[in-house]
Protein backbone atom coordinates (compact mmCIF):
# COMPACT_ATOMS: atom_id res chain seq x y z
CA UNK A 1 70.20 -6.76 85.58
CA UNK A 2 72.36 -7.35 82.49
CA UNK A 3 71.63 -6.49 78.86
CA UNK A 4 72.65 -7.73 75.42
CA UNK A 5 73.01 -5.11 72.67
CA UNK A 6 73.02 -6.26 69.03
CA UNK A 7 74.60 -4.72 65.90
CA UNK A 8 77.73 -3.79 67.83
CA UNK A 9 79.48 -2.61 64.67
CA UNK A 10 77.59 0.68 64.45
CA UNK A 11 77.47 3.95 66.40
CA UNK A 12 73.85 3.41 67.47
CA UNK A 13 74.80 0.33 69.47
CA UNK A 14 77.82 2.18 70.83
CA UNK A 15 75.54 4.95 72.11
CA UNK A 16 73.39 2.34 73.88
CA UNK A 17 76.45 0.63 75.36
CA UNK A 18 77.86 3.91 76.71
CA UNK A 19 74.52 4.87 78.22
CA UNK A 20 73.85 1.59 80.00
CA UNK A 21 77.46 0.73 80.86
CA UNK A 22 78.01 4.21 82.26
CA UNK A 23 75.23 3.50 84.76
CA UNK A 24 76.88 0.31 85.95
CA UNK A 25 74.60 -2.05 84.01
CA UNK A 26 76.50 -5.13 82.77
CA UNK A 27 76.36 -4.95 78.95
CA UNK A 28 77.24 -7.68 76.46
CA UNK A 29 77.65 -6.79 72.80
CA UNK A 30 76.98 -8.95 69.76
CA UNK A 31 77.30 -8.86 65.97
CA UNK A 32 78.24 -10.99 62.96
CA UNK A 33 81.21 -8.69 62.19
CA UNK A 34 84.35 -9.59 64.22
CA UNK A 35 85.77 -6.05 64.03
CA UNK A 36 82.78 -4.32 65.68
CA UNK A 37 83.42 -1.00 67.41
CA UNK A 38 81.41 -1.75 70.56
CA UNK A 39 83.43 -4.93 71.16
CA UNK A 40 86.33 -2.58 71.97
CA UNK A 41 84.38 -0.42 74.41
CA UNK A 42 85.39 -0.30 78.06
CA UNK A 43 81.66 -0.59 78.81
CA UNK A 44 81.29 -3.95 77.05
CA UNK A 45 81.62 -6.72 79.62
CA UNK A 46 81.97 -9.31 76.86
CA UNK A 47 80.84 -10.07 73.35
CA UNK A 48 79.82 -12.89 71.02
CA UNK A 49 79.43 -13.47 67.29
CA UNK A 50 76.08 -14.52 65.87
CA UNK A 51 75.17 -15.62 62.30
CA UNK A 52 74.08 -12.84 59.97
CA UNK A 53 70.37 -12.19 60.59
CA UNK A 54 70.02 -11.42 56.89
CA UNK A 55 71.49 -14.69 55.60
CA UNK A 56 70.67 -17.14 58.39
CA UNK A 57 67.57 -16.02 60.27
CA UNK A 58 67.05 -19.28 62.12
CA UNK A 59 70.71 -19.40 63.12
CA UNK A 60 70.57 -15.81 64.36
CA UNK A 61 67.53 -16.43 66.57
CA UNK A 62 69.03 -19.66 67.92
CA UNK A 63 72.31 -17.89 68.73
CA UNK A 64 70.53 -15.07 70.56
CA UNK A 65 68.55 -17.52 72.69
CA UNK A 66 71.61 -19.68 73.36
CA UNK A 67 73.72 -16.71 74.49
CA UNK A 68 70.89 -15.24 76.57
CA UNK A 69 70.87 -18.51 78.49
CA UNK A 70 74.65 -18.71 78.70
CA UNK A 71 75.09 -15.16 79.95
CA UNK A 72 71.89 -15.17 82.02
CA UNK A 73 71.00 -11.85 80.40
CA UNK A 74 67.80 -10.12 81.51
CA UNK A 75 67.18 -7.59 78.72
CA UNK A 76 67.78 -7.69 74.97
CA UNK A 77 68.09 -4.40 73.08
CA UNK A 78 68.06 -4.85 69.30
CA UNK A 79 69.52 -1.90 67.44
CA UNK A 80 69.04 -1.92 63.67
CA UNK A 81 67.08 -4.02 61.16
CA UNK A 82 67.58 -7.16 63.23
CA UNK A 83 64.90 -5.48 65.38
CA UNK A 84 62.38 -6.46 62.70
CA UNK A 85 63.42 -10.10 62.77
CA UNK A 86 63.33 -10.22 66.57
CA UNK A 87 59.89 -8.63 66.46
CA UNK A 88 58.74 -11.33 64.04
CA UNK A 89 59.90 -14.03 66.49
CA UNK A 90 59.03 -12.03 69.62
CA UNK A 91 56.89 -14.76 71.17
CA UNK A 92 59.79 -17.22 70.99
CA UNK A 93 62.52 -14.79 72.09
CA UNK A 94 60.63 -13.26 75.02
CA UNK A 95 60.24 -16.67 76.62
CA UNK A 96 63.94 -16.30 77.46
CA UNK A 97 64.62 -12.55 77.76
CA UNK A 98 62.79 -9.25 78.19
CA UNK A 99 62.51 -7.00 75.16
CA UNK A 100 60.48 -3.87 74.31
CA UNK A 101 59.72 -3.92 70.58
CA UNK A 102 56.51 -3.31 68.61
CA UNK A 103 54.51 -6.19 67.16
CA UNK A 104 55.65 -7.31 63.72
CA UNK A 105 52.56 -6.04 61.92
CA UNK A 106 53.19 -2.60 63.43
CA UNK A 107 56.80 -2.78 62.24
CA UNK A 108 55.67 -3.60 58.70
CA UNK A 109 53.09 -0.81 58.75
CA UNK A 110 55.62 1.86 59.70
CA UNK A 111 58.48 0.50 57.59
CA UNK A 112 56.44 0.36 54.38
CA UNK A 113 55.59 3.75 52.92
CA UNK A 114 52.67 2.30 50.96
CA UNK A 115 51.13 1.21 54.30
CA UNK A 116 51.79 4.20 56.57
CA UNK A 117 51.06 6.92 54.01
CA UNK A 118 47.31 6.14 53.71
CA UNK A 119 47.10 5.93 57.51
CA UNK A 120 48.89 9.26 57.90
CA UNK A 121 46.62 10.96 55.38
CA UNK A 122 43.52 9.60 57.14
CA UNK A 123 44.78 11.26 60.35
CA UNK A 124 45.44 14.61 58.68
CA UNK A 125 49.23 14.20 58.61
CA UNK A 126 50.64 15.90 55.47
CA UNK A 127 52.66 13.68 53.11
CA UNK A 128 54.12 14.61 49.71
CA UNK A 129 52.15 13.52 46.63
CA UNK A 130 53.35 10.00 45.89
CA UNK A 131 52.68 7.52 43.08
CA UNK A 132 53.60 3.89 42.45
CA UNK A 133 56.54 3.78 40.02
CA UNK A 134 55.23 0.61 38.39
CA UNK A 135 51.90 2.32 37.61
CA UNK A 136 53.63 5.41 36.19
CA UNK A 137 55.67 3.19 33.90
CA UNK A 138 52.40 1.88 32.44
CA UNK A 139 50.41 5.12 32.28
CA UNK A 140 53.29 7.54 31.73
CA UNK A 141 54.33 10.48 33.96
CA UNK A 142 51.87 12.83 32.21
CA UNK A 143 48.95 10.91 33.73
CA UNK A 144 49.91 12.00 37.26
CA UNK A 145 50.30 15.72 36.41
CA UNK A 146 53.44 15.81 38.54
CA UNK A 147 55.11 18.94 39.83
CA UNK A 148 58.87 18.72 39.32
CA UNK A 149 61.39 17.95 40.64
CA UNK A 150 60.42 14.48 41.84
CA UNK A 151 62.24 11.73 43.72
CA UNK A 152 62.28 8.04 42.83
CA UNK A 153 62.37 6.27 46.21
CA UNK A 154 62.04 2.76 47.65
CA UNK A 155 58.89 1.90 49.62
CA UNK A 156 61.21 0.22 52.13
CA UNK A 157 64.69 1.40 52.93
CA UNK A 158 66.63 4.04 54.81
CA UNK A 159 69.42 6.56 54.43
CA UNK A 160 69.75 7.63 50.81
CA UNK A 161 69.68 4.17 49.22
CA UNK A 162 67.78 3.98 45.95
CA UNK A 163 66.87 7.69 45.78
CA UNK A 164 67.28 9.61 42.52
CA UNK A 165 66.01 13.05 41.58
CA UNK A 166 64.36 13.87 38.25
CA UNK A 167 64.11 17.57 37.43
CA UNK A 168 61.94 17.13 34.36
CA UNK A 169 59.41 14.76 32.85
CA UNK A 170 62.02 13.62 30.32
CA UNK A 171 64.48 12.73 33.10
CA UNK A 172 61.80 10.75 34.91
CA UNK A 173 60.86 8.90 31.72
CA UNK A 174 64.52 7.99 31.25
CA UNK A 175 64.76 6.60 34.79
CA UNK A 176 61.50 4.67 34.45
CA UNK A 177 62.54 3.19 31.09
CA UNK A 178 64.75 0.53 32.69
CA UNK A 179 63.39 -2.99 33.18
CA UNK A 180 64.53 -2.80 36.81
CA UNK A 181 65.83 -0.14 39.18
CA UNK A 182 69.01 -0.81 41.16
CA UNK A 183 68.53 -4.40 39.98
CA UNK A 184 65.17 -4.69 41.70
CA UNK A 185 61.55 -4.77 40.49
CA UNK A 186 59.70 -1.49 40.04
CA UNK A 187 56.99 -2.62 42.46
CA UNK A 188 59.45 -1.76 45.25
CA UNK A 189 59.61 1.93 44.29
CA UNK A 190 57.57 5.12 44.28
CA UNK A 191 57.75 8.55 42.64
CA UNK A 192 57.30 11.42 45.07
CA UNK A 193 57.10 15.16 44.51
CA UNK A 194 60.07 16.83 46.17
CA UNK A 195 59.46 19.28 49.01
CA UNK A 196 62.16 21.92 49.39
CA UNK A 197 63.03 22.64 52.99
CA UNK A 198 64.90 21.49 56.07
CA UNK A 199 64.69 18.06 57.69
CA UNK A 200 63.23 17.87 61.20
CA UNK A 201 63.46 14.50 62.92
CA UNK A 202 61.12 13.45 65.72
CA UNK A 203 61.98 10.54 68.02
CA UNK A 204 59.56 9.04 70.53
CA UNK A 205 59.27 6.33 73.15
CA UNK A 206 55.86 4.80 73.84
CA UNK A 207 54.62 2.38 76.47
CA UNK A 208 51.54 0.51 75.20
CA UNK A 209 50.14 3.48 73.34
CA UNK A 210 51.21 6.15 75.85
CA UNK A 211 53.89 8.70 74.94
CA UNK A 212 56.71 8.70 77.50
CA UNK A 213 59.43 10.86 75.92
CA UNK A 214 60.33 12.67 72.72
CA UNK A 215 62.97 14.87 71.13
CA UNK A 216 63.12 16.93 67.92
CA UNK A 217 66.24 17.92 66.00
CA UNK A 218 67.11 19.59 62.72
CA UNK A 219 69.67 18.07 60.35
CA UNK A 220 72.45 20.55 59.62
CA UNK A 221 74.76 18.40 57.48
CA UNK A 222 74.26 14.98 55.89
CA UNK A 223 76.03 11.97 54.42
CA UNK A 224 75.70 11.86 51.44
CA UNK A 225 76.06 15.63 51.36
CA UNK A 226 72.96 16.02 49.17
CA UNK A 227 70.79 14.33 51.81
CA UNK A 228 70.82 11.19 53.94
CA UNK A 229 72.06 10.43 57.44
CA UNK A 230 72.69 13.45 59.66
CA UNK A 231 76.33 14.08 60.53
CA UNK A 232 75.58 17.36 62.36
CA UNK A 233 72.30 18.34 64.04
CA UNK A 234 70.72 20.60 66.64
CA UNK A 235 67.70 20.08 68.89
CA UNK A 236 64.75 22.32 68.02
CA UNK A 237 61.09 22.80 68.84
CA UNK A 238 58.44 21.63 66.35
CA UNK A 239 55.13 20.99 68.11
CA UNK A 240 53.27 20.46 64.83
CA UNK A 241 55.53 17.60 63.70
CA UNK A 242 55.42 16.15 67.23
CA UNK A 243 51.63 16.18 67.14
CA UNK A 244 51.57 14.44 63.75
CA UNK A 245 53.80 11.55 64.79
CA UNK A 246 52.14 11.23 68.20
CA UNK A 247 48.71 10.94 66.58
CA UNK A 248 49.90 8.22 64.22
CA UNK A 249 51.65 6.16 66.90
CA UNK A 250 48.75 6.48 69.31
CA UNK A 251 46.48 5.09 66.59
CA UNK A 252 48.82 2.09 66.33
CA UNK A 253 48.98 1.66 70.15
CA UNK A 254 52.76 1.79 69.78
CA UNK A 255 55.13 0.11 72.23
CA UNK A 256 58.84 0.88 72.15
CA UNK A 257 60.93 3.29 70.15
CA UNK A 258 60.21 5.09 66.88
CA UNK A 259 61.75 7.91 64.84
CA UNK A 260 60.40 9.84 61.85
CA UNK A 261 61.69 12.38 59.33
CA UNK A 262 59.73 15.46 58.26
CA UNK A 263 60.53 17.95 55.51
CA UNK A 264 59.51 21.44 56.64
CA UNK A 265 58.36 23.26 53.49
CA UNK A 266 60.48 26.40 53.16
CA UNK A 267 57.54 28.25 51.56
CA UNK A 268 54.71 27.35 53.94
CA UNK A 269 56.37 25.98 57.10
CA UNK A 270 54.28 22.80 56.83
CA UNK A 271 56.06 19.63 58.05
CA UNK A 272 55.56 16.75 55.60
CA UNK A 273 56.14 13.21 56.88
CA UNK A 274 58.57 11.40 54.56
CA UNK A 275 59.99 8.43 56.49
CA UNK A 276 59.45 6.35 59.64
CA UNK A 277 62.01 4.13 61.39
CA UNK A 278 60.44 1.59 63.79
CA UNK A 279 63.81 1.04 65.50
CA UNK A 280 66.70 2.95 67.03
CA UNK A 281 68.16 5.59 64.72
CA UNK A 282 71.55 7.02 63.76
CA UNK A 283 71.29 10.27 65.74
CA UNK A 284 70.41 8.51 69.00
CA UNK A 285 73.01 10.50 70.95
CA UNK A 286 71.01 13.67 70.21
CA UNK A 287 68.32 12.58 72.67
CA UNK A 288 70.80 11.85 75.45
CA UNK A 289 72.61 15.16 74.97
CA UNK A 290 69.24 16.95 75.02
CA UNK A 291 68.18 15.32 78.30
CA UNK A 292 66.25 12.29 77.04
CA UNK A 293 68.23 9.08 77.61
CA UNK A 294 66.35 6.85 75.19
CA UNK A 295 68.61 3.79 75.67
CA UNK A 296 68.07 3.75 79.43
CA UNK A 297 64.34 4.45 79.09
CA UNK A 298 64.07 1.59 76.61
CA UNK A 299 66.03 -0.67 78.95
CA UNK A 300 63.73 0.10 81.90
CA UNK A 301 60.66 -0.32 79.67
CA UNK A 302 61.84 -3.83 78.79
CA UNK A 303 62.98 -4.64 82.34
CA UNK A 304 59.95 -3.34 84.24
CA UNK A 305 57.20 -3.31 81.63
CA UNK A 306 56.92 0.49 81.89
CA UNK A 307 59.17 3.52 82.29
CA UNK A 308 59.06 7.04 83.68
CA UNK A 309 57.75 9.99 81.68
CA UNK A 310 60.20 12.66 80.55
CA UNK A 311 58.62 16.05 79.91
CA UNK A 312 60.45 18.18 77.38
CA UNK A 313 64.07 18.37 76.27
CA UNK A 314 66.83 20.98 75.94
CA UNK A 315 66.83 23.06 72.74
CA UNK A 316 69.90 24.31 70.86
CA UNK A 317 72.01 21.24 71.70
CA UNK A 318 74.45 20.30 68.89
CA UNK A 319 75.70 16.75 68.26
CA UNK A 320 77.97 15.25 65.64
CA UNK A 321 78.83 11.96 63.94
CA UNK A 322 82.60 12.42 63.52
CA UNK A 323 83.42 9.66 61.01
CA UNK A 324 80.43 10.62 58.87
CA UNK A 325 81.30 14.32 59.02
CA UNK A 326 84.88 13.57 57.97
CA UNK A 327 83.59 11.69 54.93
CA UNK A 328 81.36 14.59 53.88
CA UNK A 329 84.08 17.21 54.50
CA UNK A 330 85.33 17.60 50.86
CA UNK A 331 81.85 18.29 49.47
CA UNK A 332 80.93 20.55 52.39
CA UNK A 333 84.10 22.62 51.91
CA UNK A 334 83.59 22.82 48.14
CA UNK A 335 80.03 24.13 48.55
CA UNK A 336 80.86 26.64 51.29
CA UNK A 337 80.62 30.29 50.27
CA UNK A 338 83.08 31.40 52.96
CA UNK A 339 85.61 28.57 53.09
CA UNK A 340 87.72 30.05 55.88
CA UNK A 341 84.60 30.61 57.95
CA UNK A 342 83.52 27.04 57.25
CA UNK A 343 86.91 25.67 58.33
CA UNK A 344 86.81 27.64 61.59
CA UNK A 345 83.32 26.35 62.32
CA UNK A 346 84.18 22.79 61.27
CA UNK A 347 87.16 22.42 63.61
CA UNK A 348 85.51 24.40 66.41
CA UNK A 349 82.92 21.60 66.49
CA UNK A 350 85.55 19.21 67.88
CA UNK A 351 85.55 21.07 71.18
CA UNK A 352 83.20 22.64 73.67
CA UNK A 353 80.07 20.90 74.85
CA UNK A 354 79.29 19.04 71.62
CA UNK A 355 78.45 15.35 72.06
CA UNK A 356 79.71 12.82 69.52
CA UNK A 357 78.05 9.65 68.27
CA UNK A 358 81.26 7.71 67.90
CA UNK A 359 84.07 9.43 69.81
CA UNK A 360 84.64 9.56 73.55
CA UNK A 361 87.93 10.50 75.15
CA UNK A 362 86.98 8.26 78.09
CA UNK A 363 86.48 5.36 75.69
CA UNK A 364 88.51 6.01 72.50
CA UNK A 365 89.11 2.49 71.15
CA UNK A 366 85.68 2.04 69.48
CA UNK A 367 86.28 5.13 67.31
CA UNK A 368 89.53 3.70 65.92
CA UNK A 369 88.06 0.19 65.65
CA UNK A 370 85.36 1.58 63.36
CA UNK A 371 88.08 3.21 61.26
CA UNK A 372 89.98 -0.07 60.98
CA UNK A 373 86.84 -1.91 59.91
CA UNK A 374 86.11 0.78 57.29
CA UNK A 375 89.70 0.52 56.01
CA UNK A 376 89.39 -3.27 55.80
CA UNK A 377 86.23 -2.89 53.71
CA UNK A 378 87.97 -0.40 51.41
CA UNK A 379 90.84 -2.81 50.81
CA UNK A 380 88.58 -5.84 50.45
CA UNK A 381 86.20 -4.13 48.03
CA UNK A 382 88.96 -2.11 46.30
CA UNK A 383 87.03 1.16 46.53
CA UNK A 384 87.10 4.40 48.52
CA UNK A 385 83.34 4.06 49.02
CA UNK A 386 82.78 0.53 50.30
CA UNK A 387 79.36 -1.03 50.77
CA UNK A 388 77.97 -1.62 54.22
CA UNK A 389 78.22 -5.05 55.76
CA UNK A 390 75.67 -7.74 54.92
CA UNK A 391 72.11 -6.41 55.01
CA UNK A 392 68.72 -7.10 53.51
CA UNK A 393 68.48 -3.57 52.07
CA UNK A 394 65.25 -2.85 53.85
CA UNK A 395 63.07 -5.66 52.45
CA UNK A 396 60.77 -7.23 55.03
CA UNK A 397 57.55 -9.14 54.51
């Protein structure tokens, strides 16, 4: 039974395509960007271009349905924020194709920090002290008796977009003094006390409220270097964080995939929940390398209505996002205490048993296609740090 995979331009979709295509499943890839890396994969049977789901929602949904019919596809696997739109129109889309995504209200609950934080606290899941930025602008930072440093963060959004650190009350007052923040209203943002520690990520697959599989990994290096998307990680054990996320998703009777970030307090060892992604995530290859093939489990969940249970995963498995790690290389080298030791470790990570998000010697063209697309964005935007392709920057209602 064939599958369509959306958002073919990114490494998450490429991970899905490699997983399913490597098992002989016919896979079609789709995106609104012509130079999408998964289009070039040997595992992509064909591809099509749809309208941007962020600029033309109706056109996107119509294109998906039209191409499902044309290709006689059986399963649709949405990858990034288009997952939210397909969830919103799930009743219409699933008349034509099978898809395993949460209900839209569940998506909004887990994507909005001001909705999931009260739920988490009611279930005994630790979260950092957080305040509405708009309210602090009115009352002043003193009213909250904050412990510094603090982070100004969006209620919706991922990666490191919109996050700034204030080390003192005066710095926070300066940030809050603007009429808007990143050109957007203050109602979209919060102020959160910063927890110092390492990031542990927990990913889970549920079938109608029942946990089927999970994996935990620690972020070792990020892009941006100061914190964001993991470029290097290792699978670890963290039963406390697993229990926290499981309890929350069971309360929501979750169906489909979900991933969450925890900060493990370096002083107390307590994992604090800081972000939830109700979709596939950047480090998806970590699960596969650790023995949990989330793309195939998600495919079978959509195809059959349920999937097998996977108990446990391998610990100590290292994976890497090559393009992202190359971009963070200058800062990583500059901050290294032992630069020669860092260089040995950095280049050693190109060999051995390490799995890559975006590079496969059996399927090399997608890696270079991504590079060409990035170069085209650099030239078009006239900057070494080009913006991502068209997106809605995390805003869903």
